[in-house]
Amino acid sequence: MAFSKILIPKERINSLIGRNGTVRKIIEEKTGVKLFIHSALGEVDISGQDSLGIMDAEQVIKAIGRGFNPSVAFKLFEDEYVMEIIDLSDFKVKSKNRKLTLRGRIIGKKGITRRIIEQYTGCWIAVFGKTVSIIGDSMNISYARQAIEMILEGSEQGTAYKFLKKVYK
């Protein structure tokens, strides 16, 4: 029997459990694991016979914890999909206001920047806490990451859009 423990934000526990436990059941059935969710702590214990099943469950739980809708997080059960997490702390941001500004630049006015990157790359993007997470296939995820990093490093959103247009022509 193998075990793993993962922490997710407490406010994402309901999304992990799902209505009447449906999300939890899907994760358990697809991976062959058993989940023990400690709501008050934001802690999830995973146990199972198959360490690959535990790793798959960890990835999906981590994605839900990073703000993805469970239906998008379930894409990680498919071999061609991966998740990357960009930590805003890596961009030498000291102040909380600056982190909020960076998050806002990735989201864009009314979510337009995030949607444009998603449309060009076919990836899904979640901005939650001090991270920007991307789910997609490995080729497209690298382009989405490049566009996001361009914006985080100070480029105009339009420059990132031009990069994506050029890549996808």
Foldseek 3Di string as FASTA:
>chain_A
DDKDKDAFDLVLVCLCQDDVRPNVVVLCVLLVWHWDADNVRRMIMIDHDDVVSVVLSVQLSVCSRLPDRSVQSCCSSDPQKDKDKDFLVVLVDDDPVLLVVLLCQCCDDVRVLQVLLCVLLVWHWGHHDRIIMIMDGPVSVVLSVVLSVCVSNPDHSVVSSVSSVVVRD
